[in-house]
Amino acid sequence: MSKRNIRRIELDCPIRYHAIGSDDIHEGRACDYSNSGVSFIARDKLEEGQLQEIHIDNPGEQMPPLHAIIEVIRCKPAEKPGEFFIAGFIKILK
């Protein structure tokens, strides 16, 4: 049995995010999301446990925009130098 029992939907669209309490908005590329989490590629190395507010305005034809507060659960170097793969747990849907 797979460790992951929640279906993930693959994405390739822009994502905007910022730390809670900051107006400094950053951009990246959304990779996928499920009802409990989201992953994206960004140029910023985020700390595990940090809260971020995310916005995915156009995830696809059959999916509504996503606006949520996530907790960063993983941040590791991505394939492309200078980028990071970030996984977050959705704490609050807005």
PDB file of N, CA and C in Angstrom:
ATOM      1  N   MET A   1       0.838  -1.178   0.000  1.00  0.00           N
ATOM      2  CA  MET A   1       0.000   0.000   0.000  1.00  0.00           C
ATOM      3  C   MET A   1       0.885   1.243   0.000  1.00  0.00           C
ATOM      4  N   SER A   2       0.498   2.236  -0.759  1.00  0.00           N
ATOM      5  CA  SER A   2       1.242   3.478  -0.851  1.00  0.00           C
ATOM      6  C   SER A   2       1.149   4.274   0.446  1.00  0.00           C
ATOM      7  N   LYS A   3       2.248   4.939   0.786  1.00  0.00           N
ATOM      8  CA  LYS A   3       2.254   5.801   1.962  1.00  0.00           C
ATOM      9  C   LYS A   3       1.249   6.932   1.796  1.00  0.00           C
ATOM     10  N   ARG A   4       1.089   7.411   0.579  1.00  0.00           N
ATOM     11  CA  ARG A   4       0.187   8.520   0.301  1.00  0.00           C
ATOM     12  C   ARG A   4      -1.162   7.963  -0.139  1.00  0.00           C
ATOM     13  N   ASN A   5      -2.206   8.235   0.619  1.00  0.00           N
ATOM     14  CA  ASN A   5      -3.526   7.743   0.250  1.00  0.00           C
ATOM     15  C   ASN A   5      -4.447   8.871  -0.207  1.00  0.00           C
ATOM     16  N   ILE A   6      -3.895  10.071  -0.374  1.00  0.00           N
ATOM     17  CA  ILE A   6      -4.663  11.197  -0.868  1.00  0.00           C
ATOM     18  C   ILE A   6      -4.182  11.511  -2.276  1.00  0.00           C
ATOM     19  N   ARG A   7      -5.093  11.545  -3.217  1.00  0.00           N
ATOM     20  CA  ARG A   7      -4.755  11.778  -4.621  1.00  0.00           C
ATOM     21  C   ARG A   7      -4.207  13.190  -4.818  1.00  0.00           C
ATOM     22  N   ARG A   8      -3.096  13.294  -5.515  1.00  0.00           N
ATOM     23  CA  ARG A   8      -2.498  14.585  -5.847  1.00  0.00           C
ATOM     24  C   ARG A   8      -2.840  14.943  -7.283  1.00  0.00           C
ATOM     25  N   ILE A   9      -3.089  16.222  -7.510  1.00  0.00           N
ATOM     26  CA  ILE A   9      -3.378  16.743  -8.834  1.00  0.00           C
ATOM     27  C   ILE A   9      -2.148  17.509  -9.309  1.00  0.00           C
ATOM     28  N   GLU A  10      -1.604  17.099 -10.437  1.00  0.00           N
ATOM     29  CA  GLU A  10      -0.418  17.763 -10.967  1.00  0.00           C
ATOM     30  C   GLU A  10      -0.780  19.134 -11.515  1.00  0.00           C
ATOM     31  N   LEU A  11       0.117  20.091 -11.298  1.00  0.00           N
ATOM     32  CA  LEU A  11      -0.061  21.462 -11.764  1.00  0.00           C
ATOM     33  C   LEU A  11       1.218  21.935 -12.438  1.00  0.00           C
ATOM     34  N   ASP A  12       1.088  22.938 -13.244  1.00  0.00           N
ATOM     35  CA  ASP A  12       2.224  23.682 -13.784  1.00  0.00           C
ATOM     36  C   ASP A  12       1.719  25.087 -14.048  1.00  0.00           C
ATOM     37  N   CYS A  13       1.665  25.880 -12.984  1.00  0.00           N
ATOM     38  CA  CYS A  13       1.121  27.225 -13.090  1.00  0.00           C
ATOM     39  C   CYS A  13       1.791  28.112 -12.041  1.00  0.00           C
ATOM     40  N   PRO A  14       1.660  29.429 -12.182  1.00  0.00           N
ATOM     41  CA  PRO A  14       2.283  30.333 -11.219  1.00  0.00           C
ATOM     42  C   PRO A  14       1.663  30.214  -9.823  1.00  0.00           C
ATOM     43  N   ILE A  15       2.492  30.438  -8.821  1.00  0.00           N
ATOM     44  CA  ILE A  15       2.051  30.517  -7.440  1.00  0.00           C
ATOM     45  C   ILE A  15       2.700  31.765  -6.839  1.00  0.00           C
ATOM     46  N   ARG A  16       1.945  32.477  -6.010  1.00  0.00           N
ATOM     47  CA  ARG A  16       2.483  33.602  -5.249  1.00  0.00           C
ATOM     48  C   ARG A  16       2.431  33.211  -3.780  1.00  0.00           C
ATOM     49  N   TYR A  17       3.418  33.639  -3.024  1.00  0.00           N
ATOM     50  CA  TYR A  17       3.443  33.288  -1.613  1.00  0.00           C
ATOM     51  C   TYR A  17       4.176  34.362  -0.819  1.00  0.00           C
ATOM     52  N   HIS A  18       3.869  34.422   0.461  1.00  0.00           N
ATOM     53  CA  HIS A  18       4.581  35.329   1.358  1.00  0.00           C
ATOM     54  C   HIS A  18       4.467  34.807   2.781  1.00  0.00           C
ATOM     55  N   ALA A  19       5.453  35.142   3.583  1.00  0.00           N
ATOM     56  CA  ALA A  19       5.443  34.752   4.992  1.00  0.00           C
ATOM     57  C   ALA A  19       4.308  35.490   5.688  1.00  0.00           C
ATOM     58  N   ILE A  20       3.698  34.838   6.661  1.00  0.00           N
ATOM     59  CA  ILE A  20       2.647  35.474   7.448  1.00  0.00           C
ATOM     60  C   ILE A  20       3.249  36.710   8.125  1.00  0.00           C
ATOM     61  N   GLY A  21       2.550  37.820   8.019  1.00  0.00           N
ATOM     62  CA  GLY A  21       3.028  39.066   8.622  1.00  0.00           C
ATOM     63  C   GLY A  21       3.939  39.875   7.721  1.00  0.00           C
ATOM     64  N   SER A  22       4.187  39.403   6.508  1.00  0.00           N
ATOM     65  CA  SER A  22       5.042  40.113   5.561  1.00  0.00           C
ATOM     66  C   SER A  22       4.251  40.429   4.296  1.00  0.00           C
ATOM     67  N   ASP A  23       4.545  41.574   3.717  1.00  0.00           N
ATOM     68  CA  ASP A  23       3.931  41.947   2.436  1.00  0.00           C
ATOM     69  C   ASP A  23       4.882  41.680   1.272  1.00  0.00           C
ATOM     70  N   ASP A  24       6.016  41.041   1.534  1.00  0.00           N
ATOM     71  CA  ASP A  24       7.035  40.759   0.527  1.00  0.00           C
ATOM     72  C   ASP A  24       6.625  39.506  -0.259  1.00  0.00           C
ATOM     73  N   ILE A  25       5.967  39.711  -1.398  1.00  0.00           N
ATOM     74  CA  ILE A  25       5.411  38.608  -2.186  1.00  0.00           C
ATOM     75  C   ILE A  25       6.475  38.026  -3.120  1.00  0.00           C
ATOM     76  N   HIS A  26       6.524  36.689  -3.150  1.00  0.00           N
ATOM     77  CA  HIS A  26       7.450  35.949  -3.999  1.00  0.00           C
ATOM     78  C   HIS A  26       6.641  35.106  -4.985  1.00  0.00           C
ATOM     79  N   GLU A  27       7.296  34.679  -6.050  1.00  0.00           N
ATOM     80  CA  GLU A  27       6.629  33.872  -7.064  1.00  0.00           C
ATOM     81  C   GLU A  27       7.394  32.575  -7.300  1.00  0.00           C
ATOM     82  N   GLY A  28       6.644  31.565  -7.722  1.00  0.00           N
ATOM     83  CA  GLY A  28       7.218  30.277  -8.053  1.00  0.00           C
ATOM     84  C   GLY A  28       6.315  29.542  -9.013  1.00  0.00           C
ATOM     85  N   ARG A  29       6.536  28.213  -9.140  1.00  0.00           N
ATOM     86  CA  ARG A  29       5.728  27.363 -10.023  1.00  0.00           C
ATOM     87  C   ARG A  29       5.117  26.262  -9.182  1.00  0.00           C
ATOM     88  N   ALA A  30       3.785  26.187  -9.199  1.00  0.00           N
ATOM     89  CA  ALA A  30       3.089  25.119  -8.482  1.00  0.00           C
ATOM     90  C   ALA A  30       3.322  23.797  -9.211  1.00  0.00           C
ATOM     91  N   CYS A  31       3.567  22.734  -8.432  1.00  0.00           N
ATOM     92  CA  CYS A  31       3.808  21.397  -8.997  1.00  0.00           C
ATOM     93  C   CYS A  31       2.588  20.501  -8.847  1.00  0.00           C
ATOM     94  N   ASP A  32       2.011  20.476  -7.651  1.00  0.00           N
ATOM     95  CA  ASP A  32       0.829  19.658  -7.416  1.00  0.00           C
ATOM     96  C   ASP A  32       0.149  20.079  -6.115  1.00  0.00           C
ATOM     97  N   TYR A  33      -1.087  19.592  -5.950  1.00  0.00           N
ATOM     98  CA  TYR A  33      -1.763  19.798  -4.677  1.00  0.00           C
ATOM     99  C   TYR A  33      -2.810  18.733  -4.458  1.00  0.00           C
ATOM    100  N   SER A  34      -3.173  18.580  -3.195  1.00  0.00           N
ATOM    101  CA  SER A  34      -4.231  17.657  -2.787  1.00  0.00           C
ATOM    102  C   SER A  34      -5.074  18.395  -1.762  1.00  0.00           C
ATOM    103  N   ASN A  35      -6.003  17.685  -1.132  1.00  0.00           N
ATOM    104  CA  ASN A  35      -6.825  18.374  -0.140  1.00  0.00           C
ATOM    105  C   ASN A  35      -6.046  18.652   1.145  1.00  0.00           C
ATOM    106  N   SER A  36      -4.821  18.151   1.270  1.00  0.00           N
ATOM    107  CA  SER A  36      -4.059  18.403   2.492  1.00  0.00           C
ATOM    108  C   SER A  36      -2.713  19.085   2.261  1.00  0.00           C
ATOM    109  N   GLY A  37      -2.271  19.222   1.012  1.00  0.00           N
ATOM    110  CA  GLY A  37      -0.953  19.806   0.806  1.00  0.00           C
ATOM    111  C   GLY A  37      -0.743  20.349  -0.586  1.00  0.00           C
ATOM    112  N   VAL A  38       0.380  21.025  -0.739  1.00  0.00           N
ATOM    113  CA  VAL A  38       0.756  21.631  -2.010  1.00  0.00           C
ATOM    114  C   VAL A  38       2.279  21.574  -2.123  1.00  0.00           C
ATOM    115  N   SER A  39       2.774  21.489  -3.353  1.00  0.00           N
ATOM    116  CA  SER A  39       4.215  21.585  -3.562  1.00  0.00           C
ATOM    117  C   SER A  39       4.480  22.563  -4.696  1.00  0.00           C
ATOM    118  N   PHE A  40       5.637  23.225  -4.599  1.00  0.00           N
ATOM    119  CA  PHE A  40       5.988  24.198  -5.618  1.00  0.00           C
ATOM    120  C   PHE A  40       7.498  24.377  -5.676  1.00  0.00           C
ATOM    121  N   ILE A  41       7.953  24.978  -6.767  1.00  0.00           N
ATOM    122  CA  ILE A  41       9.360  25.289  -6.987  1.00  0.00           C
ATOM    123  C   ILE A  41       9.519  26.795  -6.831  1.00  0.00           C
ATOM    124  N   ALA A  42      10.546  27.202  -6.081  1.00  0.00           N
ATOM    125  CA  ALA A  42      10.781  28.623  -5.856  1.00  0.00           C
ATOM    126  C   ALA A  42      12.274  28.891  -5.740  1.00  0.00           C
ATOM    127  N   ARG A  43      12.640  30.151  -5.793  1.00  0.00           N
ATOM    128  CA  ARG A  43      14.044  30.546  -5.649  1.00  0.00           C
ATOM    129  C   ARG A  43      14.429  30.784  -4.194  1.00  0.00           C
ATOM    130  N   ASP A  44      13.451  30.766  -3.305  1.00  0.00           N
ATOM    131  CA  ASP A  44      13.700  31.033  -1.891  1.00  0.00           C
ATOM    132  C   ASP A  44      13.793  29.738  -1.110  1.00  0.00           C
ATOM    133  N   LYS A  45      14.782  29.665  -0.233  1.00  0.00           N
ATOM    134  CA  LYS A  45      14.890  28.528   0.678  1.00  0.00           C
ATOM    135  C   LYS A  45      14.032  28.869   1.905  1.00  0.00           C
ATOM    136  N   LEU A  46      12.967  28.098   2.111  1.00  0.00           N
ATOM    137  CA  LEU A  46      12.066  28.346   3.230  1.00  0.00           C
ATOM    138  C   LEU A  46      12.370  27.385   4.369  1.00  0.00           C
ATOM    139  N   GLU A  47      12.168  27.842   5.574  1.00  0.00           N
ATOM    140  CA  GLU A  47      12.430  27.031   6.756  1.00  0.00           C
ATOM    141  C   GLU A  47      11.252  26.116   7.059  1.00  0.00           C
ATOM    142  N   GLU A  48      11.545  24.875   7.430  1.00  0.00           N
ATOM    143  CA  GLU A  48      10.493  23.951   7.858  1.00  0.00           C
ATOM    144  C   GLU A  48       9.785  24.535   9.077  1.00  0.00           C
ATOM    145  N   GLY A  49       8.463  24.399   9.095  1.00  0.00           N
ATOM    146  CA  GLY A  49       7.653  24.927  10.183  1.00  0.00           C
ATOM    147  C   GLY A  49       7.170  26.346   9.950  1.00  0.00           C
ATOM    148  N   GLN A  50       7.761  27.042   8.967  1.00  0.00           N
ATOM    149  CA  GLN A  50       7.360  28.410   8.670  1.00  0.00           C
ATOM    150  C   GLN A  50       5.971  28.420   8.028  1.00  0.00           C
ATOM    151  N   LEU A  51       5.160  29.421   8.376  1.00  0.00           N
ATOM    152  CA  LEU A  51       3.839  29.578   7.764  1.00  0.00           C
ATOM    153  C   LEU A  51       3.941  30.530   6.590  1.00  0.00           C
ATOM    154  N   GLN A  52       3.309  30.142   5.488  1.00  0.00           N
ATOM    155  CA  GLN A  52       3.272  30.947   4.272  1.00  0.00           C
ATOM    156  C   GLN A  52       1.833  31.061   3.797  1.00  0.00           C
ATOM    157  N   GLU A  53       1.474  32.215   3.276  1.00  0.00           N
ATOM    158  CA  GLU A  53       0.177  32.376   2.625  1.00  0.00           C
ATOM    159  C   GLU A  53       0.416  32.206   1.129  1.00  0.00           C
ATOM    160  N   ILE A  54      -0.371  31.321   0.492  1.00  0.00           N
ATOM    161  CA  ILE A  54      -0.175  31.030  -0.931  1.00  0.00           C
ATOM    162  C   ILE A  54      -1.409  31.405  -1.726  1.00  0.00           C
ATOM    163  N   HIS A  55      -1.180  31.730  -3.000  1.00  0.00           N
ATOM    164  CA  HIS A  55      -2.252  32.037  -3.947  1.00  0.00           C
ATOM    165  C   HIS A  55      -1.931  31.338  -5.260  1.00  0.00           C
ATOM    166  N   ILE A  56      -2.825  30.485  -5.710  1.00  0.00           N
ATOM    167  CA  ILE A  56      -2.745  29.902  -7.049  1.00  0.00           C
ATOM    168  C   ILE A  56      -4.018  30.356  -7.746  1.00  0.00           C
ATOM    169  N   ASP A  57      -3.885  31.337  -8.629  1.00  0.00           N
ATOM    170  CA  ASP A  57      -5.056  31.967  -9.219  1.00  0.00           C
ATOM    171  C   ASP A  57      -5.670  31.189 -10.369  1.00  0.00           C
ATOM    172  N   ASN A  58      -4.869  30.435 -11.108  1.00  0.00           N
ATOM    173  CA  ASN A  58      -5.389  29.737 -12.280  1.00  0.00           C
ATOM    174  C   ASN A  58      -4.824  28.326 -12.358  1.00  0.00           C
ATOM    175  N   PRO A  59      -5.281  27.417 -11.471  1.00  0.00           N
ATOM    176  CA  PRO A  59      -4.705  26.072 -11.458  1.00  0.00           C
ATOM    177  C   PRO A  59      -5.150  25.189 -12.619  1.00  0.00           C
ATOM    178  N   GLY A  60      -6.240  25.513 -13.272  1.00  0.00           N
ATOM    179  CA  GLY A  60      -6.717  24.706 -14.393  1.00  0.00           C
ATOM    180  C   GLY A  60      -8.212  24.871 -14.576  1.00  0.00           C
ATOM    181  N   GLU A  61      -8.687  24.388 -15.700  1.00  0.00           N
ATOM    182  CA  GLU A  61     -10.092  24.578 -16.064  1.00  0.00           C
ATOM    183  C   GLU A  61     -11.072  24.011 -15.049  1.00  0.00           C
ATOM    184  N   GLN A  62     -10.773  22.865 -14.488  1.00  0.00           N
ATOM    185  CA  GLN A  62     -11.731  22.190 -13.616  1.00  0.00           C
ATOM    186  C   GLN A  62     -11.478  22.440 -12.131  1.00  0.00           C
ATOM    187  N   MET A  63     -10.546  23.324 -11.803  1.00  0.00           N
ATOM    188  CA  MET A  63     -10.194  23.544 -10.410  1.00  0.00           C
ATOM    189  C   MET A  63     -10.322  25.022 -10.066  1.00  0.00           C
ATOM    190  N   PRO A  64     -10.867  25.310  -8.895  1.00  0.00           N
ATOM    191  CA  PRO A  64     -10.980  26.715  -8.483  1.00  0.00           C
ATOM    192  C   PRO A  64      -9.631  27.253  -8.018  1.00  0.00           C
ATOM    193  N   PRO A  65      -9.493  28.579  -7.944  1.00  0.00           N
ATOM    194  CA  PRO A  65      -8.268  29.157  -7.386  1.00  0.00           C
ATOM    195  C   PRO A  65      -8.046  28.650  -5.958  1.00  0.00           C
ATOM    196  N   LEU A  66      -6.793  28.613  -5.546  1.00  0.00           N
ATOM    197  CA  LEU A  66      -6.447  28.151  -4.203  1.00  0.00           C
ATOM    198  C   LEU A  66      -5.784  29.297  -3.445  1.00  0.00           C
ATOM    199  N   HIS A  67      -6.350  29.623  -2.285  1.00  0.00           N
ATOM    200  CA  HIS A  67      -5.800  30.638  -1.390  1.00  0.00           C
ATOM    201  C   HIS A  67      -5.767  29.989  -0.022  1.00  0.00           C
ATOM    202  N   ALA A  68      -4.574  29.828   0.552  1.00  0.00           N
ATOM    203  CA  ALA A  68      -4.457  29.058   1.793  1.00  0.00           C
ATOM    204  C   ALA A  68      -3.254  29.506   2.614  1.00  0.00           C
ATOM    205  N   ILE A  69      -3.263  29.084   3.861  1.00  0.00           N
ATOM    206  CA  ILE A  69      -2.105  29.193   4.738  1.00  0.00           C
ATOM    207  C   ILE A  69      -1.505  27.790   4.817  1.00  0.00           C
ATOM    208  N   ILE A  70      -0.212  27.685   4.547  1.00  0.00           N
ATOM    209  CA  ILE A  70       0.456  26.390   4.624  1.00  0.00           C
ATOM    210  C   ILE A  70       1.580  26.435   5.653  1.00  0.00           C
ATOM    211  N   GLU A  71       1.919  25.262   6.149  1.00  0.00           N
ATOM    212  CA  GLU A  71       3.108  25.099   6.969  1.00  0.00           C
ATOM    213  C   GLU A  71       4.136  24.363   6.122  1.00  0.00           C
ATOM    214  N   VAL A  72       5.311  24.931   5.979  1.00  0.00           N
ATOM    215  CA  VAL A  72       6.369  24.296   5.191  1.00  0.00           C
ATOM    216  C   VAL A  72       6.821  23.033   5.925  1.00  0.00           C
ATOM    217  N   ILE A  73       6.715  21.892   5.239  1.00  0.00           N
ATOM    218  CA  ILE A  73       7.137  20.632   5.851  1.00  0.00           C
ATOM    219  C   ILE A  73       8.419  20.086   5.224  1.00  0.00           C
ATOM    220  N   ARG A  74       8.792  20.632   4.060  1.00  0.00           N
ATOM    221  CA  ARG A  74      10.026  20.173   3.411  1.00  0.00           C
ATOM    222  C   ARG A  74      10.500  21.257   2.449  1.00  0.00           C
ATOM    223  N   CYS A  75      11.788  21.479   2.426  1.00  0.00           N
ATOM    224  CA  CYS A  75      12.409  22.389   1.465  1.00  0.00           C
ATOM    225  C   CYS A  75      13.760  21.792   1.121  1.00  0.00           C
ATOM    226  N   LYS A  76      13.927  21.418  -0.135  1.00  0.00           N
ATOM    227  CA  LYS A  76      15.189  20.804  -0.561  1.00  0.00           C
ATOM    228  C   LYS A  76      15.576  21.364  -1.920  1.00  0.00           C
ATOM    229  N   PRO A  77      16.849  21.294  -2.270  1.00  0.00           N
ATOM    230  CA  PRO A  77      17.269  21.797  -3.579  1.00  0.00           C
ATOM    231  C   PRO A  77      16.511  21.093  -4.707  1.00  0.00           C
ATOM    232  N   ALA A  78      16.107  21.875  -5.691  1.00  0.00           N
ATOM    233  CA  ALA A  78      15.423  21.333  -6.870  1.00  0.00           C
ATOM    234  C   ALA A  78      16.468  20.934  -7.905  1.00  0.00           C
ATOM    235  N   GLU A  79      16.006  20.399  -9.027  1.00  0.00           N
ATOM    236  CA  GLU A  79      16.928  19.969 -10.084  1.00  0.00           C
ATOM    237  C   GLU A  79      17.734  21.130 -10.645  1.00  0.00           C
ATOM    238  N   LYS A  80      17.084  22.271 -10.820  1.00  0.00           N
ATOM    239  CA  LYS A  80      17.759  23.445 -11.380  1.00  0.00           C
ATOM    240  C   LYS A  80      18.500  24.186 -10.263  1.00  0.00           C
ATOM    241  N   PRO A  81      19.783  24.489 -10.442  1.00  0.00           N
ATOM    242  CA  PRO A  81      20.540  25.206  -9.416  1.00  0.00           C
ATOM    243  C   PRO A  81      19.868  26.537  -9.053  1.00  0.00           C
ATOM    244  N   GLY A  82      19.868  26.850  -7.769  1.00  0.00           N
ATOM    245  CA  GLY A  82      19.285  28.105  -7.301  1.00  0.00           C
ATOM    246  C   GLY A  82      17.793  28.031  -7.042  1.00  0.00           C
ATOM    247  N   GLU A  83      17.200  26.855  -7.239  1.00  0.00           N
ATOM    248  CA  GLU A  83      15.773  26.683  -6.973  1.00  0.00           C
ATOM    249  C   GLU A  83      15.573  25.615  -5.896  1.00  0.00           C
ATOM    250  N   PHE A  84      14.415  25.692  -5.237  1.00  0.00           N
ATOM    251  CA  PHE A  84      14.090  24.774  -4.162  1.00  0.00           C
ATOM    252  C   PHE A  84      12.716  24.152  -4.386  1.00  0.00           C
ATOM    253  N   PHE A  85      12.609  22.879  -4.023  1.00  0.00           N
ATOM    254  CA  PHE A  85      11.330  22.172  -4.024  1.00  0.00           C
ATOM    255  C   PHE A  85      10.747  22.318  -2.627  1.00  0.00           C
ATOM    256  N   ILE A  86       9.543  22.885  -2.538  1.00  0.00           N
ATOM    257  CA  ILE A  86       8.908  23.172  -1.259  1.00  0.00           C
ATOM    258  C   ILE A  86       7.597  22.408  -1.166  1.00  0.00           C
ATOM    259  N   ALA A  87       7.420  21.707  -0.063  1.00  0.00           N
ATOM    260  CA  ALA A  87       6.163  21.000   0.199  1.00  0.00           C
ATOM    261  C   ALA A  87       5.542  21.613   1.452  1.00  0.00           C
ATOM    262  N   GLY A  88       4.238  21.837   1.376  1.00  0.00           N
ATOM    263  CA  GLY A  88       3.554  22.445   2.501  1.00  0.00           C
ATOM    264  C   GLY A  88       2.254  21.732   2.840  1.00  0.00           C
ATOM    265  N   PHE A  89       1.934  21.726   4.121  1.00  0.00           N
ATOM    266  CA  PHE A  89       0.687  21.176   4.630  1.00  0.00           C
ATOM    267  C   PHE A  89      -0.324  22.303   4.718  1.00  0.00           C
ATOM    268  N   ILE A  90      -1.495  22.120   4.114  1.00  0.00           N
ATOM    269  CA  ILE A  90      -2.527  23.161   4.145  1.00  0.00           C
ATOM    270  C   ILE A  90      -3.151  23.189   5.532  1.00  0.00           C
ATOM    271  N   LYS A  91      -2.983  24.321   6.214  1.00  0.00           N
ATOM    272  CA  LYS A  91      -3.527  24.490   7.552  1.00  0.00           C
ATOM    273  C   LYS A  91      -4.891  25.181   7.521  1.00  0.00           C
ATOM    274  N   ILE A  92      -5.036  26.187   6.645  1.00  0.00           N
ATOM    275  CA  ILE A  92      -6.279  26.959   6.543  1.00  0.00           C
ATOM    276  C   ILE A  92      -6.559  27.286   5.090  1.00  0.00           C
ATOM    277  N   LEU A  93      -7.751  26.969   4.621  1.00  0.00           N
ATOM    278  CA  LEU A  93      -8.198  27.426   3.299  1.00  0.00           C
ATOM    279  C   LEU A  93      -8.885  28.762   3.492  1.00  0.00           C
ATOM    280  N   LYS A  94      -8.569  29.705   2.628  1.00  0.00           N
ATOM    281  CA  LYS A  94      -9.157  31.048   2.750  1.00  0.00           C
ATOM    282  C   LYS A  94     -10.188  31.267   1.672  1.00  0.00           C
TER     283      LYS A  94
END
